[in-house]
Amino acid sequence: PDLTLERVGHACCAVRKGVAVLGGAFKGQAGIEITASVEVLENSSASSAAGGINFKALAPLSCSAIYGSTVVPIDEGESEQGQVLLIGGWDEHNVVSSAVHLVDLAT
């Protein structure tokens, strides 16, 4: 299946028998743009009935647009869709970040 938004420089990892894809850059009307979008590859009975495995867009990152970061899954027992740590990367102003963000994929 294809992503809902074509992108490069994104972060991804396995989360709850699926794949989470966060941030990245894409070619927009004004050139290269950085995104805060989040999507998850899901294999649920609902998506299977609709034709198989699909990517589902989630709420955008609250930490703003980012690319070139790393993401790792963490203990996700308290989250409906899982949690990840988003580490480093560049923001939309090409400023390198040393920040570590806890991202709950359900919010």
PDB file of N, CA and C in Angstrom:
ATOM      1  N   PRO A   1       0.828  -1.205   0.000  1.00  0.00           N
ATOM      2  CA  PRO A   1       0.000   0.000   0.000  1.00  0.00           C
ATOM      3  C   PRO A   1       0.864   1.256   0.000  1.00  0.00           C
ATOM      4  N   ASP A   2       0.343   2.296  -0.579  1.00  0.00           N
ATOM      5  CA  ASP A   2       1.047   3.578  -0.635  1.00  0.00           C
ATOM      6  C   ASP A   2       0.763   4.405   0.611  1.00  0.00           C
ATOM      7  N   LEU A   3       1.735   5.279   0.955  1.00  0.00           N
ATOM      8  CA  LEU A   3       1.526   6.251   2.021  1.00  0.00           C
ATOM      9  C   LEU A   3       0.428   7.228   1.601  1.00  0.00           C
ATOM     10  N   THR A   4      -0.208   7.867   2.561  1.00  0.00           N
ATOM     11  CA  THR A   4      -1.207   8.884   2.226  1.00  0.00           C
ATOM     12  C   THR A   4      -0.545  10.159   1.732  1.00  0.00           C
ATOM     13  N   LEU A   5       0.746  10.349   2.070  1.00  0.00           N
ATOM     14  CA  LEU A   5       1.528  11.498   1.623  1.00  0.00           C
ATOM     15  C   LEU A   5       2.909  11.005   1.227  1.00  0.00           C
ATOM     16  N   GLU A   6       3.292  11.215  -0.032  1.00  0.00           N
ATOM     17  CA  GLU A   6       4.643  10.804  -0.438  1.00  0.00           C
ATOM     18  C   GLU A   6       5.651  11.679   0.285  1.00  0.00           C
ATOM     19  N   ARG A   7       6.767  11.073   0.712  1.00  0.00           N
ATOM     20  CA  ARG A   7       7.712  11.815   1.539  1.00  0.00           C
ATOM     21  C   ARG A   7       9.081  11.162   1.513  1.00  0.00           C
ATOM     22  N   VAL A   8      10.086  11.943   1.921  1.00  0.00           N
ATOM     23  CA  VAL A   8      11.452  11.466   2.141  1.00  0.00           C
ATOM     24  C   VAL A   8      11.910  12.018   3.477  1.00  0.00           C
ATOM     25  N   GLY A   9      12.959  11.449   4.047  1.00  0.00           N
ATOM     26  CA  GLY A   9      13.507  11.964   5.299  1.00  0.00           C
ATOM     27  C   GLY A   9      12.594  11.755   6.490  1.00  0.00           C
ATOM     28  N   HIS A  10      11.676  10.817   6.385  1.00  0.00           N
ATOM     29  CA  HIS A  10      10.741  10.550   7.470  1.00  0.00           C
ATOM     30  C   HIS A  10      11.346   9.560   8.460  1.00  0.00           C
ATOM     31  N   ALA A  11      10.680   9.396   9.568  1.00  0.00           N
ATOM     32  CA  ALA A  11      11.062   8.406  10.572  1.00  0.00           C
ATOM     33  C   ALA A  11       9.970   7.346  10.593  1.00  0.00           C
ATOM     34  N   CYS A  12      10.363   6.093  10.818  1.00  0.00           N
ATOM     35  CA  CYS A  12       9.356   5.039  10.902  1.00  0.00           C
ATOM     36  C   CYS A  12       9.829   3.930  11.825  1.00  0.00           C
ATOM     37  N   CYS A  13       8.868   3.210  12.387  1.00  0.00           N
ATOM     38  CA  CYS A  13       9.172   2.057  13.238  1.00  0.00           C
ATOM     39  C   CYS A  13       7.936   1.182  13.358  1.00  0.00           C
ATOM     40  N   ALA A  14       8.148  -0.050  13.790  1.00  0.00           N
ATOM     41  CA  ALA A  14       7.046  -0.978  14.018  1.00  0.00           C
ATOM     42  C   ALA A  14       6.355  -0.637  15.329  1.00  0.00           C
ATOM     43  N   VAL A  15       5.032  -0.558  15.289  1.00  0.00           N
ATOM     44  CA  VAL A  15       4.225  -0.282  16.477  1.00  0.00           C
ATOM     45  C   VAL A  15       2.948  -1.106  16.383  1.00  0.00           C
ATOM     46  N   ARG A  16       2.722  -1.939  17.378  1.00  0.00           N
ATOM     47  CA  ARG A  16       1.490  -2.727  17.478  1.00  0.00           C
ATOM     48  C   ARG A  16       1.120  -3.452  16.183  1.00  0.00           C
ATOM     49  N   LYS A  17       2.013  -4.259  15.686  1.00  0.00           N
ATOM     50  CA  LYS A  17       1.803  -5.061  14.482  1.00  0.00           C
ATOM     51  C   LYS A  17       1.537  -4.216  13.247  1.00  0.00           C
ATOM     52  N   GLY A  18       1.963  -2.962  13.283  1.00  0.00           N
ATOM     53  CA  GLY A  18       1.835  -2.055  12.152  1.00  0.00           C
ATOM     54  C   GLY A  18       3.113  -1.259  12.018  1.00  0.00           C
ATOM     55  N   VAL A  19       3.075  -0.212  11.216  1.00  0.00           N
ATOM     56  CA  VAL A  19       4.225   0.664  11.014  1.00  0.00           C
ATOM     57  C   VAL A  19       3.772   2.109  11.163  1.00  0.00           C
ATOM     58  N   ALA A  20       4.476   2.872  12.003  1.00  0.00           N
ATOM     59  CA  ALA A  20       4.206   4.298  12.166  1.00  0.00           C
ATOM     60  C   ALA A  20       5.203   5.084  11.325  1.00  0.00           C
ATOM     61  N   VAL A  21       4.718   6.085  10.589  1.00  0.00           N
ATOM     62  CA  VAL A  21       5.547   6.947   9.745  1.00  0.00           C
ATOM     63  C   VAL A  21       5.311   8.379  10.200  1.00  0.00           C
ATOM     64  N   LEU A  22       6.400   9.075  10.576  1.00  0.00           N
ATOM     65  CA  LEU A  22       6.278  10.414  11.154  1.00  0.00           C
ATOM     66  C   LEU A  22       7.142  11.418  10.406  1.00  0.00           C
ATOM     67  N   GLY A  23       6.584  12.606  10.164  1.00  0.00           N
ATOM     68  CA  GLY A  23       7.330  13.709   9.587  1.00  0.00           C
ATOM     69  C   GLY A  23       7.849  13.431   8.200  1.00  0.00           C
ATOM     70  N   GLY A  24       8.909  14.160   7.833  1.00  0.00           N
ATOM     71  CA  GLY A  24       9.526  14.017   6.525  1.00  0.00           C
ATOM     72  C   GLY A  24       9.350  15.264   5.679  1.00  0.00           C
ATOM     73  N   ALA A  25       9.792  15.155   4.445  1.00  0.00           N
ATOM     74  CA  ALA A  25       9.696  16.255   3.490  1.00  0.00           C
ATOM     75  C   ALA A  25       9.003  15.765   2.230  1.00  0.00           C
ATOM     76  N   PHE A  26       8.303  16.668   1.558  1.00  0.00           N
ATOM     77  CA  PHE A  26       7.631  16.325   0.308  1.00  0.00           C
ATOM     78  C   PHE A  26       7.711  17.505  -0.654  1.00  0.00           C
ATOM     79  N   LYS A  27       7.463  17.242  -1.915  1.00  0.00           N
ATOM     80  CA  LYS A  27       7.505  18.296  -2.923  1.00  0.00           C
ATOM     81  C   LYS A  27       6.133  18.937  -3.019  1.00  0.00           C
ATOM     82  N   GLY A  28       6.037  20.166  -2.512  1.00  0.00           N
ATOM     83  CA  GLY A  28       4.780  20.915  -2.542  1.00  0.00           C
ATOM     84  C   GLY A  28       4.794  21.929  -3.668  1.00  0.00           C
ATOM     85  N   GLN A  29       3.781  22.766  -3.732  1.00  0.00           N
ATOM     86  CA  GLN A  29       3.693  23.786  -4.782  1.00  0.00           C
ATOM     87  C   GLN A  29       4.802  24.826  -4.671  1.00  0.00           C
ATOM     88  N   ALA A  30       5.281  25.069  -3.443  1.00  0.00           N
ATOM     89  CA  ALA A  30       6.331  26.064  -3.223  1.00  0.00           C
ATOM     90  C   ALA A  30       7.718  25.435  -3.151  1.00  0.00           C
ATOM     91  N   GLY A  31       7.831  24.170  -3.559  1.00  0.00           N
ATOM     92  CA  GLY A  31       9.116  23.470  -3.466  1.00  0.00           C
ATOM     93  C   GLY A  31       9.076  22.434  -2.357  1.00  0.00           C
ATOM     94  N   ILE A  32      10.237  22.146  -1.790  1.00  0.00           N
ATOM     95  CA  ILE A  32      10.312  21.152  -0.730  1.00  0.00           C
ATOM     96  C   ILE A  32       9.684  21.712   0.550  1.00  0.00           C
ATOM     97  N   GLU A  33       8.763  20.970   1.131  1.00  0.00           N
ATOM     98  CA  GLU A  33       8.088  21.368   2.363  1.00  0.00           C
ATOM     99  C   GLU A  33       8.285  20.283   3.417  1.00  0.00           C
ATOM    100  N   ILE A  34       8.346  20.690   4.668  1.00  0.00           N
ATOM    101  CA  ILE A  34       8.495  19.774   5.792  1.00  0.00           C
ATOM    102  C   ILE A  34       7.103  19.526   6.374  1.00  0.00           C
ATOM    103  N   THR A  35       6.829  18.291   6.785  1.00  0.00           N
ATOM    104  CA  THR A  35       5.501  17.956   7.274  1.00  0.00           C
ATOM    105  C   THR A  35       5.520  17.459   8.722  1.00  0.00           C
ATOM    106  N   ALA A  36       4.407  17.646   9.385  1.00  0.00           N
ATOM    107  CA  ALA A  36       4.194  17.123  10.735  1.00  0.00           C
ATOM    108  C   ALA A  36       3.220  15.948  10.681  1.00  0.00           C
ATOM    109  N   SER A  37       2.964  15.433   9.490  1.00  0.00           N
ATOM    110  CA  SER A  37       1.969  14.379   9.358  1.00  0.00           C
ATOM    111  C   SER A  37       2.440  13.062   9.972  1.00  0.00           C
ATOM    112  N   VAL A  38       1.471  12.279  10.417  1.00  0.00           N
ATOM    113  CA  VAL A  38       1.708  10.971  11.019  1.00  0.00           C
ATOM    114  C   VAL A  38       0.722  10.005  10.375  1.00  0.00           C
ATOM    115  N   GLU A  39       1.197   8.838  10.012  1.00  0.00           N
ATOM    116  CA  GLU A  39       0.292   7.810   9.510  1.00  0.00           C
ATOM    117  C   GLU A  39       0.750   6.448   9.994  1.00  0.00           C
ATOM    118  N   VAL A  40      -0.195   5.524  10.040  1.00  0.00           N
ATOM    119  CA  VAL A  40       0.078   4.188  10.543  1.00  0.00           C
ATOM    120  C   VAL A  40      -0.447   3.165   9.547  1.00  0.00           C
ATOM    121  N   LEU A  41       0.383   2.191   9.257  1.00  0.00           N
ATOM    122  CA  LEU A  41      -0.045   1.049   8.445  1.00  0.00           C
ATOM    123  C   LEU A  41      -0.822   0.134   9.367  1.00  0.00           C
ATOM    124  N   GLU A  42      -2.079  -0.086   9.044  1.00  0.00           N
ATOM    125  CA  GLU A  42      -2.896  -0.902   9.935  1.00  0.00           C
ATOM    126  C   GLU A  42      -3.428  -2.122   9.211  1.00  0.00           C
ATOM    127  N   ASN A  43      -3.556  -3.180   9.959  1.00  0.00           N
ATOM    128  CA  ASN A  43      -4.080  -4.435   9.439  1.00  0.00           C
ATOM    129  C   ASN A  43      -5.233  -4.855  10.334  1.00  0.00           C
ATOM    130  N   SER A  44      -6.319  -4.106  10.256  1.00  0.00           N
ATOM    131  CA  SER A  44      -7.485  -4.405  11.093  1.00  0.00           C
ATOM    132  C   SER A  44      -8.556  -5.081  10.258  1.00  0.00           C
ATOM    133  N   SER A  45      -9.537  -5.620  10.910  1.00  0.00           N
ATOM    134  CA  SER A  45     -10.621  -6.267  10.182  1.00  0.00           C
ATOM    135  C   SER A  45     -11.378  -5.248   9.333  1.00  0.00           C
ATOM    136  N   ALA A  46     -11.453  -4.006   9.803  1.00  0.00           N
ATOM    137  CA  ALA A  46     -12.145  -2.969   9.032  1.00  0.00           C
ATOM    138  C   ALA A  46     -11.392  -2.666   7.741  1.00  0.00           C
ATOM    139  N   SER A  47     -10.048  -2.534   7.816  1.00  0.00           N
ATOM    140  CA  SER A  47      -9.292  -2.238   6.603  1.00  0.00           C
ATOM    141  C   SER A  47      -9.223  -3.458   5.696  1.00  0.00           C
ATOM    142  N   SER A  48      -9.223  -4.667   6.276  1.00  0.00           N
ATOM    143  CA  SER A  48      -9.196  -5.882   5.472  1.00  0.00           C
ATOM    144  C   SER A  48     -10.481  -6.006   4.670  1.00  0.00           C
ATOM    145  N   ALA A  49     -11.600  -5.643   5.283  1.00  0.00           N
ATOM    146  CA  ALA A  49     -12.875  -5.704   4.586  1.00  0.00           C
ATOM    147  C   ALA A  49     -12.933  -4.688   3.457  1.00  0.00           C
ATOM    148  N   ALA A  50     -12.185  -3.596   3.599  1.00  0.00           N
ATOM    149  CA  ALA A  50     -12.179  -2.544   2.585  1.00  0.00           C
ATOM    150  C   ALA A  50     -11.130  -2.790   1.513  1.00  0.00           C
ATOM    151  N   GLY A  51     -10.456  -3.921   1.543  1.00  0.00           N
ATOM    152  CA  GLY A  51      -9.510  -4.210   0.475  1.00  0.00           C
ATOM    153  C   GLY A  51      -8.107  -4.504   0.938  1.00  0.00           C
ATOM    154  N   GLY A  52      -7.886  -4.711   2.221  1.00  0.00           N
ATOM    155  CA  GLY A  52      -6.553  -5.102   2.675  1.00  0.00           C
ATOM    156  C   GLY A  52      -5.936  -4.146   3.645  1.00  0.00           C
ATOM    157  N   ILE A  53      -4.621  -4.141   3.635  1.00  0.00           N
ATOM    158  CA  ILE A  53      -3.836  -3.327   4.559  1.00  0.00           C
ATOM    159  C   ILE A  53      -3.711  -1.918   3.977  1.00  0.00           C
ATOM    160  N   ASN A  54      -3.925  -0.898   4.804  1.00  0.00           N
ATOM    161  CA  ASN A  54      -3.877   0.487   4.339  1.00  0.00           C
ATOM    162  C   ASN A  54      -3.177   1.385   5.343  1.00  0.00           C
ATOM    163  N   PHE A  55      -2.634   2.500   4.848  1.00  0.00           N
ATOM    164  CA  PHE A  55      -2.115   3.535   5.728  1.00  0.00           C
ATOM    165  C   PHE A  55      -3.266   4.443   6.133  1.00  0.00           C
ATOM    166  N   LYS A  56      -3.279   4.827   7.402  1.00  0.00           N
ATOM    167  CA  LYS A  56      -4.308   5.701   7.946  1.00  0.00           C
ATOM    168  C   LYS A  56      -3.641   6.947   8.499  1.00  0.00           C
ATOM    169  N   ALA A  57      -4.092   8.135   8.078  1.00  0.00           N
ATOM    170  CA  ALA A  57      -3.555   9.395   8.587  1.00  0.00           C
ATOM    171  C   ALA A  57      -4.060   9.614  10.005  1.00  0.00           C
ATOM    172  N   LEU A  58      -3.145  10.030  10.886  1.00  0.00           N
ATOM    173  CA  LEU A  58      -3.474  10.344  12.275  1.00  0.00           C
ATOM    174  C   LEU A  58      -3.312  11.845  12.496  1.00  0.00           C
ATOM    175  N   ALA A  59      -3.538  12.293  13.718  1.00  0.00           N
ATOM    176  CA  ALA A  59      -3.343  13.704  14.061  1.00  0.00           C
ATOM    177  C   ALA A  59      -1.880  14.084  13.832  1.00  0.00           C
ATOM    178  N   PRO A  60      -1.616  15.319  13.362  1.00  0.00           N
ATOM    179  CA  PRO A  60      -0.229  15.735  13.116  1.00  0.00           C
ATOM    180  C   PRO A  60       0.573  15.847  14.411  1.00  0.00           C
ATOM    181  N   LEU A  61       1.883  15.849  14.269  1.00  0.00           N
ATOM    182  CA  LEU A  61       2.780  15.986  15.417  1.00  0.00           C
ATOM    183  C   LEU A  61       2.541  17.318  16.119  1.00  0.00           C
ATOM    184  N   SER A  62       2.462  17.299  17.436  1.00  0.00           N
ATOM    185  CA  SER A  62       2.290  18.534  18.197  1.00  0.00           C
ATOM    186  C   SER A  62       3.592  19.314  18.304  1.00  0.00           C
ATOM    187  N   CYS A  63       4.727  18.655  18.036  1.00  0.00           N
ATOM    188  CA  CYS A  63       6.032  19.319  18.137  1.00  0.00           C
ATOM    189  C   CYS A  63       6.401  20.054  16.854  1.00  0.00           C
ATOM    190  N   SER A  64       5.523  20.126  15.888  1.00  0.00           N
ATOM    191  CA  SER A  64       5.666  20.800  14.596  1.00  0.00           C
ATOM    192  C   SER A  64       6.343  19.904  13.565  1.00  0.00           C
ATOM    193  N   ALA A  65       6.481  20.431  12.373  1.00  0.00           N
ATOM    194  CA  ALA A  65       7.048  19.684  11.252  1.00  0.00           C
ATOM    195  C   ALA A  65       8.508  19.341  11.507  1.00  0.00           C
ATOM    196  N   ILE A  66       8.915  18.147  11.057  1.00  0.00           N
ATOM    197  CA  ILE A  66      10.285  17.689  11.308  1.00  0.00           C
ATOM    198  C   ILE A  66      10.682  16.663  10.251  1.00  0.00           C
ATOM    199  N   TYR A  67      11.966  16.630   9.941  1.00  0.00           N
ATOM    200  CA  TYR A  67      12.471  15.588   9.040  1.00  0.00           C
ATOM    201  C   TYR A  67      13.863  15.166   9.491  1.00  0.00           C
ATOM    202  N   GLY A  68      14.272  13.981   9.042  1.00  0.00           N
ATOM    203  CA  GLY A  68      15.597  13.481   9.376  1.00  0.00           C
ATOM    204  C   GLY A  68      15.742  13.034  10.816  1.00  0.00           C
ATOM    205  N   SER A  69      14.640  12.766  11.488  1.00  0.00           N
ATOM    206  CA  SER A  69      14.704  12.335  12.886  1.00  0.00           C
ATOM    207  C   SER A  69      14.724  10.814  12.965  1.00  0.00           C
ATOM    208  N   THR A  70      14.896  10.314  14.170  1.00  0.00           N
ATOM    209  CA  THR A  70      14.853   8.879  14.445  1.00  0.00           C
ATOM    210  C   THR A  70      13.686   8.630  15.372  1.00  0.00           C
ATOM    211  N   VAL A  71      13.064   7.482  15.240  1.00  0.00           N
ATOM    212  CA  VAL A  71      11.935   7.150  16.104  1.00  0.00           C
ATOM    213  C   VAL A  71      12.102   5.726  16.610  1.00  0.00           C
ATOM    214  N   VAL A  72      11.781   5.539  17.902  1.00  0.00           N
ATOM    215  CA  VAL A  72      11.834   4.204  18.501  1.00  0.00           C
ATOM    216  C   VAL A  72      10.550   3.966  19.291  1.00  0.00           C
ATOM    217  N   PRO A  73      10.002   2.745  19.208  1.00  0.00           N
ATOM    218  CA  PRO A  73       8.809   2.448  20.003  1.00  0.00           C
ATOM    219  C   PRO A  73       9.184   2.295  21.472  1.00  0.00           C
ATOM    220  N   ILE A  74       8.242   2.619  22.346  1.00  0.00           N
ATOM    221  CA  ILE A  74       8.467   2.445  23.779  1.00  0.00           C
ATOM    222  C   ILE A  74       7.299   1.661  24.362  1.00  0.00           C
ATOM    223  N   ASP A  75       7.364   1.358  25.647  1.00  0.00           N
ATOM    224  CA  ASP A  75       6.278   0.648  26.311  1.00  0.00           C
ATOM    225  C   ASP A  75       4.992   1.412  26.076  1.00  0.00           C
ATOM    226  N   GLU A  76       4.066   0.763  25.432  1.00  0.00           N
ATOM    227  CA  GLU A  76       2.877   1.463  24.969  1.00  0.00           C
ATOM    228  C   GLU A  76       1.596   0.983  25.622  1.00  0.00           C
ATOM    229  N   GLY A  77       1.691   0.425  26.809  1.00  0.00           N
ATOM    230  CA  GLY A  77       0.525  -0.115  27.475  1.00  0.00           C
ATOM    231  C   GLY A  77      -0.529   0.917  27.831  1.00  0.00           C
ATOM    232  N   GLU A  78      -0.145   2.170  27.969  1.00  0.00           N
ATOM    233  CA  GLU A  78      -1.087   3.210  28.388  1.00  0.00           C
ATOM    234  C   GLU A  78      -1.715   3.953  27.219  1.00  0.00           C
ATOM    235  N   SER A  79      -1.405   3.555  25.987  1.00  0.00           N
ATOM    236  CA  SER A  79      -1.909   4.265  24.818  1.00  0.00           C
ATOM    237  C   SER A  79      -2.768   3.358  23.959  1.00  0.00           C
ATOM    238  N   GLU A  80      -3.818   3.920  23.408  1.00  0.00           N
ATOM    239  CA  GLU A  80      -4.717   3.161  22.545  1.00  0.00           C
ATOM    240  C   GLU A  80      -4.031   2.718  21.257  1.00  0.00           C
ATOM    241  N   GLN A  81      -3.133   3.564  20.695  1.00  0.00           N
ATOM    242  CA  GLN A  81      -2.487   3.226  19.426  1.00  0.00           C
ATOM    243  C   GLN A  81      -0.976   3.060  19.529  1.00  0.00           C
ATOM    244  N   GLY A  82      -0.409   3.265  20.702  1.00  0.00           N
ATOM    245  CA  GLY A  82       1.025   3.116  20.886  1.00  0.00           C
ATOM    246  C   GLY A  82       1.728   4.438  21.089  1.00  0.00           C
ATOM    247  N   GLN A  83       2.963   4.357  21.597  1.00  0.00           N
ATOM    248  CA  GLN A  83       3.779   5.546  21.834  1.00  0.00           C
ATOM    249  C   GLN A  83       5.171   5.322  21.272  1.00  0.00           C
ATOM    250  N   VAL A  84       5.794   6.421  20.823  1.00  0.00           N
ATOM    251  CA  VAL A  84       7.155   6.377  20.299  1.00  0.00           C
ATOM    252  C   VAL A  84       7.931   7.580  20.822  1.00  0.00           C
ATOM    253  N   LEU A  85       9.254   7.465  20.800  1.00  0.00           N
ATOM    254  CA  LEU A  85      10.113   8.620  21.052  1.00  0.00           C
ATOM    255  C   LEU A  85      10.623   9.117  19.715  1.00  0.00           C
ATOM    256  N   LEU A  86      10.426  10.383  19.440  1.00  0.00           N
ATOM    257  CA  LEU A  86      10.914  11.037  18.230  1.00  0.00           C
ATOM    258  C   LEU A  86      12.156  11.817  18.626  1.00  0.00           C
ATOM    259  N   ILE A  87      13.292  11.456  18.039  1.00  0.00           N
ATOM    260  CA  ILE A  87      14.583  11.964  18.510  1.00  0.00           C
ATOM    261  C   ILE A  87      15.276  12.786  17.430  1.00  0.00           C
ATOM    262  N   GLY A  88      15.637  14.027  17.784  1.00  0.00           N
ATOM    263  CA  GLY A  88      16.428  14.880  16.900  1.00  0.00           C
ATOM    264  C   GLY A  88      15.723  15.238  15.605  1.00  0.00           C
ATOM    265  N   GLY A  89      16.525  15.575  14.592  1.00  0.00           N
ATOM    266  CA  GLY A  89      16.000  15.952  13.281  1.00  0.00           C
ATOM    267  C   GLY A  89      16.177  17.430  13.006  1.00  0.00           C
ATOM    268  N   TRP A  90      15.616  17.850  11.877  1.00  0.00           N
ATOM    269  CA  TRP A  90      15.631  19.256  11.467  1.00  0.00           C
ATOM    270  C   TRP A  90      14.200  19.756  11.435  1.00  0.00           C
ATOM    271  N   ASP A  91      14.015  21.046  11.803  1.00  0.00           N
ATOM    272  CA  ASP A  91      12.675  21.615  11.726  1.00  0.00           C
ATOM    273  C   ASP A  91      12.476  22.324  10.387  1.00  0.00           C
ATOM    274  N   GLU A  92      11.341  22.972  10.235  1.00  0.00           N
ATOM    275  CA  GLU A  92      11.016  23.620   8.956  1.00  0.00           C
ATOM    276  C   GLU A  92      11.914  24.809   8.638  1.00  0.00           C
ATOM    277  N   HIS A  93      12.733  25.251   9.613  1.00  0.00           N
ATOM    278  CA  HIS A  93      13.673  26.358   9.389  1.00  0.00           C
ATOM    279  C   HIS A  93      15.102  25.836   9.217  1.00  0.00           C
ATOM    280  N   ASN A  94      15.243  24.511   9.018  1.00  0.00           N
ATOM    281  CA  ASN A  94      16.536  23.828   8.889  1.00  0.00           C
ATOM    282  C   ASN A  94      17.417  23.980  10.121  1.00  0.00           C
ATOM    283  N   VAL A  95      16.788  24.063  11.283  1.00  0.00           N
ATOM    284  CA  VAL A  95      17.506  24.106  12.550  1.00  0.00           C
ATOM    285  C   VAL A  95      17.563  22.686  13.097  1.00  0.00           C
ATOM    286  N   VAL A  96      18.784  22.237  13.422  1.00  0.00           N
ATOM    287  CA  VAL A  96      18.960  20.890  13.966  1.00  0.00           C
ATOM    288  C   VAL A  96      18.502  20.872  15.414  1.00  0.00           C
ATOM    289  N   SER A  97      17.778  19.817  15.771  1.00  0.00           N
ATOM    290  CA  SER A  97      17.214  19.702  17.114  1.00  0.00           C
ATOM    291  C   SER A  97      17.865  18.554  17.871  1.00  0.00           C
ATOM    292  N   SER A  98      18.053  18.751  19.161  1.00  0.00           N
ATOM    293  CA  SER A  98      18.505  17.666  20.039  1.00  0.00           C
ATOM    294  C   SER A  98      17.354  17.190  20.918  1.00  0.00           C
ATOM    295  N   ALA A  99      16.153  17.650  20.638  1.00  0.00           N
ATOM    296  CA  ALA A  99      14.988  17.339  21.460  1.00  0.00           C
ATOM    297  C   ALA A  99      14.554  15.885  21.311  1.00  0.00           C
ATOM    298  N   VAL A 100      13.973  15.368  22.369  1.00  0.00           N
ATOM    299  CA  VAL A 100      13.343  14.050  22.365  1.00  0.00           C
ATOM    300  C   VAL A 100      11.879  14.270  22.735  1.00  0.00           C
ATOM    301  N   HIS A 101      10.975  13.862  21.836  1.00  0.00           N
ATOM    302  CA  HIS A 101       9.543  14.060  22.040  1.00  0.00           C
ATOM    303  C   HIS A 101       8.855  12.728  22.265  1.00  0.00           C
ATOM    304  N   LEU A 102       8.001  12.653  23.266  1.00  0.00           N
ATOM    305  CA  LEU A 102       7.143  11.496  23.469  1.00  0.00           C
ATOM    306  C   LEU A 102       5.902  11.725  22.610  1.00  0.00           C
ATOM    307  N   VAL A 103       5.658  10.832  21.668  1.00  0.00           N
ATOM    308  CA  VAL A 103       4.517  10.965  20.766  1.00  0.00           C
ATOM    309  C   VAL A 103       3.544   9.831  21.053  1.00  0.00           C
ATOM    310  N   ASP A 104       2.345  10.193  21.456  1.00  0.00           N
ATOM    311  CA  ASP A 104       1.270   9.213  21.634  1.00  0.00           C
ATOM    312  C   ASP A 104       0.491   9.198  20.329  1.00  0.00           C
ATOM    313  N   LEU A 105       0.491   8.088  19.637  1.00  0.00           N
ATOM    314  CA  LEU A 105      -0.138   8.013  18.320  1.00  0.00           C
ATOM    315  C   LEU A 105      -1.654   8.136  18.380  1.00  0.00           C
ATOM    316  N   ALA A 106      -2.218   8.051  19.569  1.00  0.00           N
ATOM    317  CA  ALA A 106      -3.669   8.193  19.711  1.00  0.00           C
ATOM    318  C   ALA A 106      -4.110   9.648  19.831  1.00  0.00           C
ATOM    319  N   THR A 107      -3.145  10.567  20.020  1.00  0.00           N
ATOM    320  CA  THR A 107      -3.539  11.981  20.208  1.00  0.00           C
ATOM    321  C   THR A 107      -2.876  12.899  19.221  1.00  0.00           C
TER     322      THR A 107
END
